[in-house]
């Protein structure tokens, strides 16, 4: 009798507790939405709506930026019938792959170096490395151009004193190298931050056990460090690829796409197609292609962000 009496009482208690928790959870979710609403509104206005407008405009026939009819895929056909676009896409791929690879290699070396420094010294080096990332992209590109790229820059002068004649603005190969270097210099601090966070998460006991077993420094790096930070490495790769596929400031300020079309990459081509040649429909079509690439990378990022070692 007692057990039968207690069971309904327990069920009522559980039901009452559940009914009390539900409103609190709803209020918490509501407050959470209110907190992120301003950020979501900004993203809607400056990112999502312009992207949607670009897709819509790429399907329209435009006269002086005013829609006069439906063009369907005609804008895409005109853009991709231009033989120069294939060269731009190849150049963009080369630029992104080399820049990401170099940035990852240098950032990993810097992160490993920082991980072995004392806190005070590591802080000083981190400030120096992160500084190019926190300043304006335009300002950073202008500083890089002034110091390394122009014919009267200190960098070119120092190379001339060593007997090396370098004129990046007139040499196609050197201009692309300059563009890659300024993009790497600009994003190095961001990559270092992500990788140093991954290194700090590796348990020190692994290295102590490896040292006891007689593993060399290279073996510890290859068999412990790299596998343990694979998530940080992968996410950094995706984010850097997205950054370089949308980098219009660096080529616009550093080389202007020249000499000739040596540094003409996709983001700069989109900008010039719309605002230099005033072909807004063609620029919107190219922007829509870039949007598809970016959405694919975003989905890759979201999937890899959940990947644990």
C-alpha atoms as a PDB file:
ATOM      1  CA  UNK A   1       0.000   0.000   0.000  1.00  0.00           C
ATOM      2  CA  UNK A   2       2.782   2.349   0.875  1.00  0.00           C
ATOM      3  CA  UNK A   3       4.699   1.635  -2.351  1.00  0.00           C
ATOM      4  CA  UNK A   4       1.565   2.142  -4.430  1.00  0.00           C
ATOM      5  CA  UNK A   5       0.916   5.407  -2.674  1.00  0.00           C
ATOM      6  CA  UNK A   6       4.475   6.708  -3.188  1.00  0.00           C
ATOM      7  CA  UNK A   7       4.640   6.037  -6.915  1.00  0.00           C
ATOM      8  CA  UNK A   8       1.984   8.571  -7.977  1.00  0.00           C
ATOM      9  CA  UNK A   9       3.514  11.082  -5.572  1.00  0.00           C
ATOM     10  CA  UNK A  10       6.937  10.595  -7.182  1.00  0.00           C
ATOM     11  CA  UNK A  11       5.446  10.944 -10.652  1.00  0.00           C
ATOM     12  CA  UNK A  12       3.671  14.146  -9.655  1.00  0.00           C
ATOM     13  CA  UNK A  13       6.915  15.512  -8.192  1.00  0.00           C
ATOM     14  CA  UNK A  14       8.808  14.702 -11.372  1.00  0.00           C
ATOM     15  CA  UNK A  15       6.107  16.263 -13.523  1.00  0.00           C
ATOM     16  CA  UNK A  16       6.052  19.416 -11.427  1.00  0.00           C
ATOM     17  CA  UNK A  17       9.838  19.687 -11.614  1.00  0.00           C
ATOM     18  CA  UNK A  18       9.759  19.235 -15.393  1.00  0.00           C
ATOM     19  CA  UNK A  19       7.039  21.837 -15.798  1.00  0.00           C
ATOM     20  CA  UNK A  20       9.099  24.299 -13.720  1.00  0.00           C
ATOM     21  CA  UNK A  21      12.281  23.705 -15.716  1.00  0.00           C
ATOM     22  CA  UNK A  22      10.604  24.225 -19.111  1.00  0.00           C
ATOM     23  CA  UNK A  23       9.711  27.936 -18.611  1.00  0.00           C
ATOM     24  CA  UNK A  24      13.206  28.658 -17.265  1.00  0.00           C
ATOM     25  CA  UNK A  25      14.737  27.004 -20.293  1.00  0.00           C
ATOM     26  CA  UNK A  26      12.469  28.962 -22.630  1.00  0.00           C
ATOM     27  CA  UNK A  27      13.376  32.238 -20.889  1.00  0.00           C
ATOM     28  CA  UNK A  28      17.072  31.374 -21.135  1.00  0.00           C
ATOM     29  CA  UNK A  29      16.739  30.624 -24.856  1.00  0.00           C
ATOM     30  CA  UNK A  30      14.805  33.862 -25.363  1.00  0.00           C
ATOM     31  CA  UNK A  31      17.487  35.910 -23.593  1.00  0.00           C
ATOM     32  CA  UNK A  32      20.146  34.153 -25.651  1.00  0.00           C
ATOM     33  CA  UNK A  33      18.373  35.121 -28.872  1.00  0.00           C
ATOM     34  CA  UNK A  34      18.043  38.704 -27.665  1.00  0.00           C
ATOM     35  CA  UNK A  35      21.776  38.865 -26.933  1.00  0.00           C
ATOM     36  CA  UNK A  36      22.785  37.697 -30.406  1.00  0.00           C
ATOM     37  CA  UNK A  37      20.025  39.610 -32.244  1.00  0.00           C
ATOM     38  CA  UNK A  38      22.143  42.774 -32.848  1.00  0.00           C
ATOM     39  CA  UNK A  39      24.998  40.728 -34.289  1.00  0.00           C
ATOM     40  CA  UNK A  40      22.630  38.717 -36.479  1.00  0.00           C
ATOM     41  CA  UNK A  41      21.029  41.972 -37.700  1.00  0.00           C
ATOM     42  CA  UNK A  42      24.431  43.369 -38.676  1.00  0.00           C
ATOM     43  CA  UNK A  43      25.321  40.138 -40.484  1.00  0.00           C
ATOM     44  CA  UNK A  44      21.970  40.222 -42.274  1.00  0.00           C
ATOM     45  CA  UNK A  45      22.486  43.795 -43.495  1.00  0.00           C
ATOM     46  CA  UNK A  46      26.185  43.724 -44.423  1.00  0.00           C
ATOM     47  CA  UNK A  47      26.648  40.086 -45.469  1.00  0.00           C
ATOM     48  CA  UNK A  48      23.580  37.986 -46.168  1.00  0.00           C
ATOM     49  CA  UNK A  49      21.428  40.531 -48.035  1.00  0.00           C
ATOM     50  CA  UNK A  50      24.284  41.731 -50.314  1.00  0.00           C
ATOM     51  CA  UNK A  51      25.080  38.122 -51.154  1.00  0.00           C
ATOM     52  CA  UNK A  52      21.453  37.424 -52.040  1.00  0.00           C
ATOM     53  CA  UNK A  53      21.271  40.621 -54.113  1.00  0.00           C
ATOM     54  CA  UNK A  54      24.399  39.524 -56.009  1.00  0.00           C
ATOM     55  CA  UNK A  55      22.794  36.199 -56.884  1.00  0.00           C
ATOM     56  CA  UNK A  56      19.566  37.891 -58.000  1.00  0.00           C
ATOM     57  CA  UNK A  57      21.395  40.542 -60.048  1.00  0.00           C
ATOM     58  CA  UNK A  58      23.485  37.870 -61.750  1.00  0.00           C
ATOM     59  CA  UNK A  59      20.252  36.534 -63.290  1.00  0.00           C
ATOM     60  CA  UNK A  60      19.039  39.913 -64.547  1.00  0.00           C
ATOM     61  CA  UNK A  61      19.820  42.116 -67.503  1.00  0.00           C
ATOM     62  CA  UNK A  62      21.133  45.428 -66.172  1.00  0.00           C
ATOM     63  CA  UNK A  63      21.350  48.842 -67.745  1.00  0.00           C
ATOM     64  CA  UNK A  64      23.159  51.419 -65.604  1.00  0.00           C
ATOM     65  CA  UNK A  65      22.642  49.190 -62.556  1.00  0.00           C
ATOM     66  CA  UNK A  66      18.890  49.094 -63.199  1.00  0.00           C
ATOM     67  CA  UNK A  67      17.191  45.761 -64.004  1.00  0.00           C
ATOM     68  CA  UNK A  68      15.501  45.834 -67.422  1.00  0.00           C
ATOM     69  CA  UNK A  69      14.744  42.154 -67.857  1.00  0.00           C
ATOM     70  CA  UNK A  70      15.474  38.573 -66.944  1.00  0.00           C
ATOM     71  CA  UNK A  71      18.729  37.243 -68.394  1.00  0.00           C
ATOM     72  CA  UNK A  72      18.788  33.767 -66.879  1.00  0.00           C
ATOM     73  CA  UNK A  73      22.255  32.250 -67.226  1.00  0.00           C
ATOM     74  CA  UNK A  74      23.314  34.591 -70.007  1.00  0.00           C
ATOM     75  CA  UNK A  75      25.550  36.653 -67.711  1.00  0.00           C
ATOM     76  CA  UNK A  76      27.346  33.490 -66.638  1.00  0.00           C
ATOM     77  CA  UNK A  77      27.773  32.406 -70.258  1.00  0.00           C
ATOM     78  CA  UNK A  78      29.280  35.755 -71.212  1.00  0.00           C
ATOM     79  CA  UNK A  79      31.651  35.772 -68.261  1.00  0.00           C
ATOM     80  CA  UNK A  80      32.934  32.253 -68.737  1.00  0.00           C
ATOM     81  CA  UNK A  81      33.197  32.598 -72.513  1.00  0.00           C
ATOM     82  CA  UNK A  82      35.975  35.099 -71.818  1.00  0.00           C
ATOM     83  CA  UNK A  83      39.248  33.106 -72.137  1.00  0.00           C
ATOM     84  CA  UNK A  84      40.907  35.329 -69.515  1.00  0.00           C
ATOM     85  CA  UNK A  85      38.600  34.004 -66.783  1.00  0.00           C
ATOM     86  CA  UNK A  86      40.151  30.526 -66.927  1.00  0.00           C
ATOM     87  CA  UNK A  87      43.587  32.062 -66.387  1.00  0.00           C
ATOM     88  CA  UNK A  88      42.204  34.111 -63.474  1.00  0.00           C
ATOM     89  CA  UNK A  89      40.784  31.003 -61.801  1.00  0.00           C
ATOM     90  CA  UNK A  90      44.051  29.103 -62.217  1.00  0.00           C
ATOM     91  CA  UNK A  91      46.014  32.088 -60.900  1.00  0.00           C
ATOM     92  CA  UNK A  92      43.654  32.345 -57.925  1.00  0.00           C
ATOM     93  CA  UNK A  93      44.100  28.650 -57.142  1.00  0.00           C
ATOM     94  CA  UNK A  94      47.894  28.926 -57.317  1.00  0.00           C
ATOM     95  CA  UNK A  95      47.873  32.031 -55.132  1.00  0.00           C
ATOM     96  CA  UNK A  96      45.575  30.480 -52.494  1.00  0.00           C
ATOM     97  CA  UNK A  97      47.366  27.110 -52.328  1.00  0.00           C
ATOM     98  CA  UNK A  98      50.886  28.538 -52.060  1.00  0.00           C
ATOM     99  CA  UNK A  99      49.852  31.252 -49.595  1.00  0.00           C
ATOM    100  CA  UNK A 100      48.012  28.820 -47.320  1.00  0.00           C
ATOM    101  CA  UNK A 101      50.843  26.285 -47.429  1.00  0.00           C
ATOM    102  CA  UNK A 102      53.518  28.868 -46.617  1.00  0.00           C
ATOM    103  CA  UNK A 103      51.407  30.487 -43.893  1.00  0.00           C
ATOM    104  CA  UNK A 104      50.747  27.132 -42.231  1.00  0.00           C
ATOM    105  CA  UNK A 105      54.418  26.129 -42.360  1.00  0.00           C
ATOM    106  CA  UNK A 106      55.695  29.417 -40.916  1.00  0.00           C
ATOM    107  CA  UNK A 107      52.863  29.674 -38.379  1.00  0.00           C
ATOM    108  CA  UNK A 108      53.490  26.140 -37.124  1.00  0.00           C
ATOM    109  CA  UNK A 109      57.208  26.851 -36.708  1.00  0.00           C
ATOM    110  CA  UNK A 110      56.455  30.104 -34.846  1.00  0.00           C
ATOM    111  CA  UNK A 111      53.821  28.409 -32.665  1.00  0.00           C
ATOM    112  CA  UNK A 112      56.222  25.612 -31.672  1.00  0.00           C
ATOM    113  CA  UNK A 113      58.879  28.236 -30.904  1.00  0.00           C
ATOM    114  CA  UNK A 114      56.443  30.256 -28.781  1.00  0.00           C
ATOM    115  CA  UNK A 115      55.299  27.157 -26.930  1.00  0.00           C
ATOM    116  CA  UNK A 116      58.856  26.643 -25.644  1.00  0.00           C
ATOM    117  CA  UNK A 117      59.435  30.238 -24.523  1.00  0.00           C
ATOM    118  CA  UNK A 118      58.831  31.706 -21.094  1.00  0.00           C
ATOM    119  CA  UNK A 119      55.566  33.614 -20.647  1.00  0.00           C
ATOM    120  CA  UNK A 120      57.157  37.075 -20.837  1.00  0.00           C
ATOM    121  CA  UNK A 121      59.199  36.386 -23.962  1.00  0.00           C
ATOM    122  CA  UNK A 122      56.295  34.576 -25.622  1.00  0.00           C
ATOM    123  CA  UNK A 123      54.032  37.588 -25.037  1.00  0.00           C
ATOM    124  CA  UNK A 124      56.506  39.938 -26.725  1.00  0.00           C
ATOM    125  CA  UNK A 125      56.903  37.678 -29.774  1.00  0.00           C
ATOM    126  CA  UNK A 126      53.138  37.191 -30.010  1.00  0.00           C
ATOM    127  CA  UNK A 127      52.584  40.957 -30.127  1.00  0.00           C
ATOM    128  CA  UNK A 128      55.081  41.296 -32.978  1.00  0.00           C
ATOM    129  CA  UNK A 129      53.518  38.402 -34.903  1.00  0.00           C
ATOM    130  CA  UNK A 130      49.891  39.421 -34.364  1.00  0.00           C
ATOM    131  CA  UNK A 131      50.420  43.120 -35.127  1.00  0.00           C
ATOM    132  CA  UNK A 132      50.021  42.794 -38.956  1.00  0.00           C
ATOM    133  CA  UNK A 133      46.743  40.938 -38.411  1.00  0.00           C
ATOM    134  CA  UNK A 134      45.135  43.517 -36.126  1.00  0.00           C
ATOM    135  CA  UNK A 135      45.955  46.589 -38.214  1.00  0.00           C
ATOM    136  CA  UNK A 136      43.860  47.578 -41.221  1.00  0.00           C
ATOM    137  CA  UNK A 137      44.393  45.413 -44.302  1.00  0.00           C
ATOM    138  CA  UNK A 138      44.785  48.485 -46.499  1.00  0.00           C
ATOM    139  CA  UNK A 139      47.339  50.012 -44.130  1.00  0.00           C
ATOM    140  CA  UNK A 140      49.238  46.733 -43.903  1.00  0.00           C
ATOM    141  CA  UNK A 141      49.325  46.331 -47.686  1.00  0.00           C
ATOM    142  CA  UNK A 142      50.493  49.944 -48.112  1.00  0.00           C
ATOM    143  CA  UNK A 143      53.283  49.436 -45.565  1.00  0.00           C
ATOM    144  CA  UNK A 144      54.367  46.235 -47.282  1.00  0.00           C
ATOM    145  CA  UNK A 145      54.320  47.923 -50.699  1.00  0.00           C
ATOM    146  CA  UNK A 146      56.319  50.895 -49.404  1.00  0.00           C
ATOM    147  CA  UNK A 147      58.968  48.725 -47.769  1.00  0.00           C
ATOM    148  CA  UNK A 148      59.351  45.843 -50.231  1.00  0.00           C
ATOM    149  CA  UNK A 149      57.620  46.368 -53.557  1.00  0.00           C
ATOM    150  CA  UNK A 150      58.168  49.852 -55.027  1.00  0.00           C
ATOM    151  CA  UNK A 151      61.378  50.496 -56.971  1.00  0.00           C
ATOM    152  CA  UNK A 152      62.652  52.979 -54.343  1.00  0.00           C
ATOM    153  CA  UNK A 153      61.612  50.883 -51.326  1.00  0.00           C
ATOM    154  CA  UNK A 154      64.106  50.064 -48.536  1.00  0.00           C
ATOM    155  CA  UNK A 155      63.770  46.353 -49.315  1.00  0.00           C
ATOM    156  CA  UNK A 156      64.698  46.780 -52.978  1.00  0.00           C
ATOM    157  CA  UNK A 157      67.568  49.081 -51.973  1.00  0.00           C
ATOM    158  CA  UNK A 158      68.966  46.531 -49.503  1.00  0.00           C
ATOM    159  CA  UNK A 159      68.778  43.803 -52.148  1.00  0.00           C
ATOM    160  CA  UNK A 160      70.580  46.052 -54.627  1.00  0.00           C
ATOM    161  CA  UNK A 161      73.392  46.523 -52.100  1.00  0.00           C
ATOM    162  CA  UNK A 162      73.763  42.751 -52.067  1.00  0.00           C
ATOM    163  CA  UNK A 163      73.964  42.701 -55.852  1.00  0.00           C
ATOM    164  CA  UNK A 164      70.397  41.458 -56.352  1.00  0.00           C
ATOM    165  CA  UNK A 165      68.360  43.530 -58.799  1.00  0.00           C
ATOM    166  CA  UNK A 166      64.654  43.173 -57.975  1.00  0.00           C
ATOM    167  CA  UNK A 167      61.767  45.195 -59.398  1.00  0.00           C
ATOM    168  CA  UNK A 168      58.572  43.467 -58.226  1.00  0.00           C
ATOM    169  CA  UNK A 169      56.221  45.917 -59.958  1.00  0.00           C
ATOM    170  CA  UNK A 170      57.635  45.145 -63.404  1.00  0.00           C
ATOM    171  CA  UNK A 171      58.473  41.449 -63.046  1.00  0.00           C
ATOM    172  CA  UNK A 172      55.487  39.037 -63.250  1.00  0.00           C
ATOM    173  CA  UNK A 173      57.077  36.361 -61.060  1.00  0.00           C
ATOM    174  CA  UNK A 174      58.295  38.793 -58.412  1.00  0.00           C
ATOM    175  CA  UNK A 175      54.931  40.546 -58.340  1.00  0.00           C
ATOM    176  CA  UNK A 176      53.129  37.269 -57.584  1.00  0.00           C
ATOM    177  CA  UNK A 177      55.739  36.429 -54.942  1.00  0.00           C
ATOM    178  CA  UNK A 178      55.173  39.870 -53.405  1.00  0.00           C
ATOM    179  CA  UNK A 179      51.414  39.291 -53.361  1.00  0.00           C
ATOM    180  CA  UNK A 180      51.855  35.887 -51.697  1.00  0.00           C
ATOM    181  CA  UNK A 181      54.229  37.336 -49.101  1.00  0.00           C
ATOM    182  CA  UNK A 182      51.945  40.227 -48.162  1.00  0.00           C
ATOM    183  CA  UNK A 183      48.982  37.845 -47.800  1.00  0.00           C
ATOM    184  CA  UNK A 184      51.073  35.479 -45.672  1.00  0.00           C
ATOM    185  CA  UNK A 185      52.425  38.343 -43.546  1.00  0.00           C
ATOM    186  CA  UNK A 186      48.893  39.639 -43.036  1.00  0.00           C
ATOM    187  CA  UNK A 187      47.342  36.340 -41.822  1.00  0.00           C
ATOM    188  CA  UNK A 188      50.331  34.821 -40.017  1.00  0.00           C
ATOM    189  CA  UNK A 189      49.269  36.122 -36.602  1.00  0.00           C
ATOM    190  CA  UNK A 190      45.796  34.594 -36.902  1.00  0.00           C
ATOM    191  CA  UNK A 191      47.223  31.196 -37.836  1.00  0.00           C
ATOM    192  CA  UNK A 192      49.726  31.346 -34.969  1.00  0.00           C
ATOM    193  CA  UNK A 193      46.923  32.042 -32.467  1.00  0.00           C
ATOM    194  CA  UNK A 194      44.923  29.001 -33.575  1.00  0.00           C
ATOM    195  CA  UNK A 195      47.921  26.688 -33.647  1.00  0.00           C
ATOM    196  CA  UNK A 196      49.359  27.816 -30.316  1.00  0.00           C
ATOM    197  CA  UNK A 197      45.951  27.110 -28.764  1.00  0.00           C
ATOM    198  CA  UNK A 198      46.134  23.573 -30.169  1.00  0.00           C
ATOM    199  CA  UNK A 199      49.688  23.105 -28.867  1.00  0.00           C
ATOM    200  CA  UNK A 200      48.727  24.249 -25.369  1.00  0.00           C
ATOM    201  CA  UNK A 201      46.029  21.563 -25.284  1.00  0.00           C
ATOM    202  CA  UNK A 202      48.527  18.712 -25.824  1.00  0.00           C
ATOM    203  CA  UNK A 203      49.179  16.982 -22.454  1.00  0.00           C
ATOM    204  CA  UNK A 204      52.794  17.332 -21.317  1.00  0.00           C
ATOM    205  CA  UNK A 205      52.771  13.728 -20.059  1.00  0.00           C
ATOM    206  CA  UNK A 206      52.908  12.524 -23.673  1.00  0.00           C
ATOM    207  CA  UNK A 207      56.241  14.266 -24.254  1.00  0.00           C
ATOM    208  CA  UNK A 208      57.620  13.088 -20.905  1.00  0.00           C
ATOM    209  CA  UNK A 209      56.758   9.479 -21.753  1.00  0.00           C
ATOM    210  CA  UNK A 210      58.265   9.854 -25.229  1.00  0.00           C
ATOM    211  CA  UNK A 211      61.472  11.299 -23.763  1.00  0.00           C
ATOM    212  CA  UNK A 212      61.739   8.367 -21.362  1.00  0.00           C
ATOM    213  CA  UNK A 213      61.300   5.993 -24.319  1.00  0.00           C
ATOM    214  CA  UNK A 214      64.179   7.722 -26.116  1.00  0.00           C
ATOM    215  CA  UNK A 215      62.165   9.523 -28.837  1.00  0.00           C
ATOM    216  CA  UNK A 216      63.989  12.381 -30.548  1.00  0.00           C
ATOM    217  CA  UNK A 217      62.558  15.888 -30.873  1.00  0.00           C
ATOM    218  CA  UNK A 218      61.552  15.265 -34.499  1.00  0.00           C
ATOM    219  CA  UNK A 219      59.878  11.963 -33.590  1.00  0.00           C
ATOM    220  CA  UNK A 220      57.924  13.678 -30.816  1.00  0.00           C
ATOM    221  CA  UNK A 221      56.829  16.399 -33.217  1.00  0.00           C
ATOM    222  CA  UNK A 222      55.829  13.936 -35.942  1.00  0.00           C
ATOM    223  CA  UNK A 223      54.167  11.290 -33.766  1.00  0.00           C
ATOM    224  CA  UNK A 224      52.676  13.404 -30.980  1.00  0.00           C
ATOM    225  CA  UNK A 225      52.401  17.074 -31.898  1.00  0.00           C
ATOM    226  CA  UNK A 226      51.047  16.812 -35.448  1.00  0.00           C
ATOM    227  CA  UNK A 227      48.381  14.151 -34.698  1.00  0.00           C
ATOM    228  CA  UNK A 228      47.217  16.005 -31.578  1.00  0.00           C
ATOM    229  CA  UNK A 229      46.765  19.350 -33.356  1.00  0.00           C
ATOM    230  CA  UNK A 230      45.230  17.976 -36.566  1.00  0.00           C
ATOM    231  CA  UNK A 231      41.905  19.661 -35.744  1.00  0.00           C
ATOM    232  CA  UNK A 232      43.547  23.074 -35.313  1.00  0.00           C
ATOM    233  CA  UNK A 233      45.568  22.559 -38.484  1.00  0.00           C
ATOM    234  CA  UNK A 234      42.524  21.595 -40.538  1.00  0.00           C
ATOM    235  CA  UNK A 235      40.343  24.444 -39.304  1.00  0.00           C
ATOM    236  CA  UNK A 236      43.195  26.930 -39.827  1.00  0.00           C
ATOM    237  CA  UNK A 237      43.600  25.653 -43.386  1.00  0.00           C
ATOM    238  CA  UNK A 238      39.907  26.145 -44.177  1.00  0.00           C
ATOM    239  CA  UNK A 239      39.780  29.654 -42.669  1.00  0.00           C
ATOM    240  CA  UNK A 240      42.982  30.751 -44.424  1.00  0.00           C
ATOM    241  CA  UNK A 241      41.671  29.420 -47.735  1.00  0.00           C
ATOM    242  CA  UNK A 242      38.461  31.421 -47.316  1.00  0.00           C
ATOM    243  CA  UNK A 243      40.469  34.515 -46.436  1.00  0.00           C
ATOM    244  CA  UNK A 244      42.718  34.280 -49.492  1.00  0.00           C
ATOM    245  CA  UNK A 245      39.861  33.493 -51.874  1.00  0.00           C
ATOM    246  CA  UNK A 246      38.249  36.786 -50.790  1.00  0.00           C
ATOM    247  CA  UNK A 247      41.392  38.907 -50.579  1.00  0.00           C
ATOM    248  CA  UNK A 248      40.828  41.965 -52.759  1.00  0.00           C
ATOM    249  CA  UNK A 249      42.728  44.554 -50.708  1.00  0.00           C
ATOM    250  CA  UNK A 250      46.186  42.992 -51.037  1.00  0.00           C
ATOM    251  CA  UNK A 251      46.296  42.740 -54.868  1.00  0.00           C
ATOM    252  CA  UNK A 252      44.466  46.053 -55.308  1.00  0.00           C
ATOM    253  CA  UNK A 253      46.937  47.990 -53.134  1.00  0.00           C
ATOM    254  CA  UNK A 254      50.155  46.016 -53.593  1.00  0.00           C
ATOM    255  CA  UNK A 255      50.275  45.308 -57.337  1.00  0.00           C
ATOM    256  CA  UNK A 256      46.966  46.492 -58.823  1.00  0.00           C
ATOM    257  CA  UNK A 257      46.729  43.180 -60.680  1.00  0.00           C
ATOM    258  CA  UNK A 258      49.892  43.880 -62.681  1.00  0.00           C
ATOM    259  CA  UNK A 259      52.243  43.853 -64.327  1.00  0.00           C
ATOM    260  CA  UNK A 260      49.844  42.995 -67.111  1.00  0.00           C
ATOM    261  CA  UNK A 261      47.567  40.407 -65.498  1.00  0.00           C
ATOM    262  CA  UNK A 262      50.266  38.582 -63.518  1.00  0.00           C
ATOM    263  CA  UNK A 263      48.496  39.088 -60.175  1.00  0.00           C
ATOM    264  CA  UNK A 264      44.910  39.309 -61.430  1.00  0.00           C
ATOM    265  CA  UNK A 265      43.029  36.971 -59.083  1.00  0.00           C
ATOM    266  CA  UNK A 266      39.274  36.349 -58.718  1.00  0.00           C
ATOM    267  CA  UNK A 267      38.383  38.884 -55.966  1.00  0.00           C
ATOM    268  CA  UNK A 268      40.196  41.680 -57.813  1.00  0.00           C
ATOM    269  CA  UNK A 269      38.554  40.650 -61.097  1.00  0.00           C
ATOM    270  CA  UNK A 270      35.106  40.862 -59.479  1.00  0.00           C
ATOM    271  CA  UNK A 271      35.885  44.339 -58.168  1.00  0.00           C
ATOM    272  CA  UNK A 272      37.236  45.599 -61.502  1.00  0.00           C
ATOM    273  CA  UNK A 273      34.431  43.979 -63.510  1.00  0.00           C
ATOM    274  CA  UNK A 274      31.834  45.874 -61.497  1.00  0.00           C
ATOM    275  CA  UNK A 275      33.491  49.153 -60.536  1.00  0.00           C
ATOM    276  CA  UNK A 276      36.105  49.693 -63.258  1.00  0.00           C
ATOM    277  CA  UNK A 277      34.395  48.279 -66.354  1.00  0.00           C
ATOM    278  CA  UNK A 278      30.894  48.960 -64.925  1.00  0.00           C
ATOM    279  CA  UNK A 279      29.720  45.483 -65.925  1.00  0.00           C
ATOM    280  CA  UNK A 280      27.665  44.944 -62.796  1.00  0.00           C
ATOM    281  CA  UNK A 281      25.863  41.888 -64.164  1.00  0.00           C
ATOM    282  CA  UNK A 282      29.153  40.161 -65.005  1.00  0.00           C
ATOM    283  CA  UNK A 283      30.598  41.164 -61.643  1.00  0.00           C
ATOM    284  CA  UNK A 284      27.520  39.769 -59.894  1.00  0.00           C
ATOM    285  CA  UNK A 285      27.878  36.480 -61.802  1.00  0.00           C
ATOM    286  CA  UNK A 286      31.516  36.149 -60.717  1.00  0.00           C
ATOM    287  CA  UNK A 287      30.527  37.104 -57.165  1.00  0.00           C
ATOM    288  CA  UNK A 288      27.893  34.367 -57.179  1.00  0.00           C
ATOM    289  CA  UNK A 289      30.558  31.840 -58.200  1.00  0.00           C
ATOM    290  CA  UNK A 290      32.772  33.064 -55.361  1.00  0.00           C
ATOM    291  CA  UNK A 291      29.776  32.772 -53.014  1.00  0.00           C
ATOM    292  CA  UNK A 292      29.325  29.101 -53.912  1.00  0.00           C
ATOM    293  CA  UNK A 293      33.011  28.464 -53.161  1.00  0.00           C
ATOM    294  CA  UNK A 294      32.714  30.248 -49.827  1.00  0.00           C
ATOM    295  CA  UNK A 295      29.555  28.420 -48.803  1.00  0.00           C
ATOM    296  CA  UNK A 296      31.297  25.111 -49.532  1.00  0.00           C
ATOM    297  CA  UNK A 297      34.222  26.157 -47.351  1.00  0.00           C
ATOM    298  CA  UNK A 298      31.858  27.273 -44.570  1.00  0.00           C
ATOM    299  CA  UNK A 299      30.183  23.856 -44.538  1.00  0.00           C
ATOM    300  CA  UNK A 300      33.622  22.247 -44.458  1.00  0.00           C
ATOM    301  CA  UNK A 301      34.574  24.493 -41.539  1.00  0.00           C
ATOM    302  CA  UNK A 302      31.396  23.647 -39.582  1.00  0.00           C
ATOM    303  CA  UNK A 303      31.962  19.947 -40.129  1.00  0.00           C
ATOM    304  CA  UNK A 304      35.645  19.999 -39.268  1.00  0.00           C
ATOM    305  CA  UNK A 305      35.057  22.207 -36.212  1.00  0.00           C
ATOM    306  CA  UNK A 306      33.314  19.204 -34.599  1.00  0.00           C
ATOM    307  CA  UNK A 307      36.204  16.872 -35.460  1.00  0.00           C
ATOM    308  CA  UNK A 308      38.054  15.778 -32.324  1.00  0.00           C
ATOM    309  CA  UNK A 309      41.483  14.168 -32.149  1.00  0.00           C
END
